[in-house]
Amino acid sequence: MPPKIPTRTDAYVQCGCGGTMAIATVEPIPDKPLVMRHTYRCLECGREERFEVAKKGVGD
């Protein structure tokens, strides 16, 4: 079962519907240079969630 909150390397997370969310986009956050915004979309219900995830080497 995938995690509910992703880390930098997670391609999948658990959706609230019980389905699996796959990573859809990764984008920088201009005013937060140490994190990236990862968007996940549920393969079952289509819901999207966004998470701020630390870049490689930050907090490792």
N, C-alpha and C. Protein backbone atom coordinates (compact mmCIF):
# COMPACT_ATOMS: atom_id res chain seq x y z
N MET A 1 0.85 -1.18 0.00
CA MET A 1 0.00 0.00 0.00
C MET A 1 0.90 1.24 0.00
N PRO A 2 0.59 2.21 -0.88
CA PRO A 2 1.40 3.43 -0.92
C PRO A 2 1.20 4.30 0.32
N PRO A 3 2.15 5.19 0.62
CA PRO A 3 2.03 6.07 1.78
C PRO A 3 0.96 7.14 1.56
N LYS A 4 0.52 7.78 2.64
CA LYS A 4 -0.47 8.87 2.54
C LYS A 4 0.19 10.20 2.25
N ILE A 5 1.45 10.37 2.69
CA ILE A 5 2.22 11.59 2.44
C ILE A 5 3.52 11.16 1.76
N PRO A 6 3.79 11.69 0.56
CA PRO A 6 4.96 11.22 -0.19
C PRO A 6 6.28 11.80 0.30
N THR A 7 7.34 11.06 0.00
CA THR A 7 8.70 11.57 0.13
C THR A 7 9.17 11.90 -1.29
N ARG A 8 10.36 12.37 -1.43
CA ARG A 8 10.88 12.80 -2.72
C ARG A 8 10.83 11.69 -3.77
N THR A 9 10.96 10.44 -3.39
CA THR A 9 11.06 9.35 -4.35
C THR A 9 9.77 8.57 -4.57
N ASP A 10 8.67 8.94 -3.92
CA ASP A 10 7.42 8.19 -4.05
C ASP A 10 6.67 8.57 -5.33
N ALA A 11 6.41 7.58 -6.19
CA ALA A 11 5.66 7.82 -7.41
C ALA A 11 4.16 7.68 -7.17
N TYR A 12 3.78 7.03 -6.06
CA TYR A 12 2.38 6.78 -5.74
C TYR A 12 2.10 7.12 -4.29
N VAL A 13 0.87 7.61 -4.02
CA VAL A 13 0.39 7.82 -2.65
C VAL A 13 -1.04 7.31 -2.57
N GLN A 14 -1.50 7.08 -1.36
CA GLN A 14 -2.86 6.58 -1.15
C GLN A 14 -3.86 7.74 -1.21
N CYS A 15 -4.95 7.55 -1.92
CA CYS A 15 -6.02 8.55 -2.02
C CYS A 15 -7.03 8.32 -0.89
N GLY A 16 -7.76 9.36 -0.56
CA GLY A 16 -8.81 9.25 0.46
C GLY A 16 -9.91 8.28 0.07
N CYS A 17 -10.09 8.03 -1.23
CA CYS A 17 -11.13 7.10 -1.69
C CYS A 17 -10.69 5.65 -1.54
N GLY A 18 -9.42 5.45 -1.15
CA GLY A 18 -8.88 4.11 -1.03
C GLY A 18 -8.09 3.68 -2.26
N GLY A 19 -8.13 4.50 -3.31
CA GLY A 19 -7.40 4.20 -4.53
C GLY A 19 -5.95 4.64 -4.44
N THR A 20 -5.29 4.59 -5.59
CA THR A 20 -3.89 4.96 -5.68
C THR A 20 -3.74 6.22 -6.52
N MET A 21 -2.97 7.18 -6.00
CA MET A 21 -2.67 8.40 -6.73
C MET A 21 -1.29 8.27 -7.34
N ALA A 22 -1.17 8.62 -8.62
CA ALA A 22 0.12 8.59 -9.32
C ALA A 22 0.63 10.02 -9.50
N ILE A 23 1.94 10.18 -9.47
CA ILE A 23 2.50 11.51 -9.64
C ILE A 23 2.19 12.01 -11.05
N ALA A 24 1.72 13.25 -11.13
CA ALA A 24 1.33 13.83 -12.41
C ALA A 24 2.30 14.94 -12.84
N THR A 25 2.67 15.81 -11.89
CA THR A 25 3.61 16.89 -12.23
C THR A 25 4.53 17.17 -11.05
N VAL A 26 5.69 17.73 -11.38
CA VAL A 26 6.65 18.20 -10.40
C VAL A 26 7.07 19.59 -10.85
N GLU A 27 6.97 20.56 -9.95
CA GLU A 27 7.32 21.92 -10.33
C GLU A 27 8.03 22.65 -9.19
N PRO A 28 8.90 23.58 -9.55
CA PRO A 28 9.59 24.36 -8.52
C PRO A 28 8.62 25.35 -7.88
N ILE A 29 8.97 25.78 -6.66
CA ILE A 29 8.22 26.82 -5.96
C ILE A 29 9.18 28.00 -5.83
N PRO A 30 8.96 29.06 -6.61
CA PRO A 30 9.93 30.16 -6.67
C PRO A 30 10.33 30.76 -5.31
N ASP A 31 9.39 30.89 -4.39
CA ASP A 31 9.73 31.50 -3.10
C ASP A 31 10.16 30.48 -2.05
N LYS A 32 10.27 29.20 -2.44
CA LYS A 32 10.74 28.14 -1.54
C LYS A 32 11.76 27.28 -2.29
N PRO A 33 13.00 27.72 -2.39
CA PRO A 33 13.98 27.02 -3.22
C PRO A 33 14.41 25.64 -2.73
N LEU A 34 14.07 25.26 -1.50
CA LEU A 34 14.50 23.96 -0.98
C LEU A 34 13.45 22.87 -1.16
N VAL A 35 12.28 23.21 -1.72
CA VAL A 35 11.22 22.22 -1.93
C VAL A 35 10.67 22.31 -3.34
N MET A 36 10.03 21.22 -3.75
CA MET A 36 9.33 21.14 -5.04
C MET A 36 7.87 20.83 -4.75
N ARG A 37 6.99 21.21 -5.66
CA ARG A 37 5.56 20.88 -5.52
C ARG A 37 5.28 19.67 -6.41
N HIS A 38 4.81 18.59 -5.77
CA HIS A 38 4.45 17.37 -6.48
C HIS A 38 2.93 17.28 -6.51
N THR A 39 2.37 17.10 -7.70
CA THR A 39 0.92 16.93 -7.86
C THR A 39 0.65 15.47 -8.20
N TYR A 40 -0.28 14.88 -7.48
CA TYR A 40 -0.68 13.48 -7.70
C TYR A 40 -2.14 13.45 -8.12
N ARG A 41 -2.49 12.52 -9.02
CA ARG A 41 -3.87 12.35 -9.48
C ARG A 41 -4.29 10.91 -9.23
N CYS A 42 -5.49 10.75 -8.65
CA CYS A 42 -6.00 9.41 -8.33
C CYS A 42 -6.37 8.67 -9.61
N LEU A 43 -5.93 7.44 -9.71
CA LEU A 43 -6.21 6.61 -10.87
C LEU A 43 -7.65 6.11 -10.87
N GLU A 44 -8.31 6.15 -9.71
CA GLU A 44 -9.68 5.67 -9.61
C GLU A 44 -10.72 6.80 -9.67
N CYS A 45 -10.57 7.83 -8.84
CA CYS A 45 -11.60 8.87 -8.76
C CYS A 45 -11.22 10.19 -9.43
N GLY A 46 -9.96 10.36 -9.81
CA GLY A 46 -9.52 11.57 -10.50
C GLY A 46 -9.14 12.74 -9.61
N ARG A 47 -9.28 12.59 -8.31
CA ARG A 47 -8.94 13.66 -7.36
C ARG A 47 -7.46 14.01 -7.48
N GLU A 48 -7.13 15.30 -7.29
CA GLU A 48 -5.75 15.74 -7.28
C GLU A 48 -5.36 16.25 -5.90
N GLU A 49 -4.12 15.99 -5.53
CA GLU A 49 -3.54 16.48 -4.27
C GLU A 49 -2.17 17.04 -4.59
N ARG A 50 -1.80 18.10 -3.87
CA ARG A 50 -0.47 18.70 -4.03
C ARG A 50 0.28 18.62 -2.71
N PHE A 51 1.57 18.29 -2.83
CA PHE A 51 2.43 18.17 -1.66
C PHE A 51 3.70 18.94 -1.90
N GLU A 52 4.24 19.56 -0.87
CA GLU A 52 5.55 20.19 -0.94
C GLU A 52 6.56 19.20 -0.40
N VAL A 53 7.53 18.86 -1.25
CA VAL A 53 8.47 17.80 -0.94
C VAL A 53 9.89 18.37 -1.00
N ALA A 54 10.69 18.07 0.02
CA ALA A 54 12.07 18.56 0.08
C ALA A 54 12.89 18.04 -1.09
N LYS A 55 13.76 18.90 -1.63
CA LYS A 55 14.65 18.50 -2.71
C LYS A 55 15.70 17.53 -2.20
N LYS A 56 16.33 16.83 -3.11
CA LYS A 56 17.40 15.88 -2.77
C LYS A 56 18.47 16.59 -1.98
N GLY A 57 18.91 15.97 -0.89
CA GLY A 57 19.96 16.53 -0.05
C GLY A 57 19.45 17.44 1.06
N VAL A 58 18.17 17.75 1.05
CA VAL A 58 17.58 18.60 2.09
C VAL A 58 16.88 17.71 3.09
N GLY A 59 17.38 17.67 4.30
CA GLY A 59 16.78 16.87 5.35
C GLY A 59 17.00 15.37 5.20
N ASP A 60 17.92 14.96 4.31
CA ASP A 60 18.21 13.51 4.15
C ASP A 60 18.93 12.97 5.35
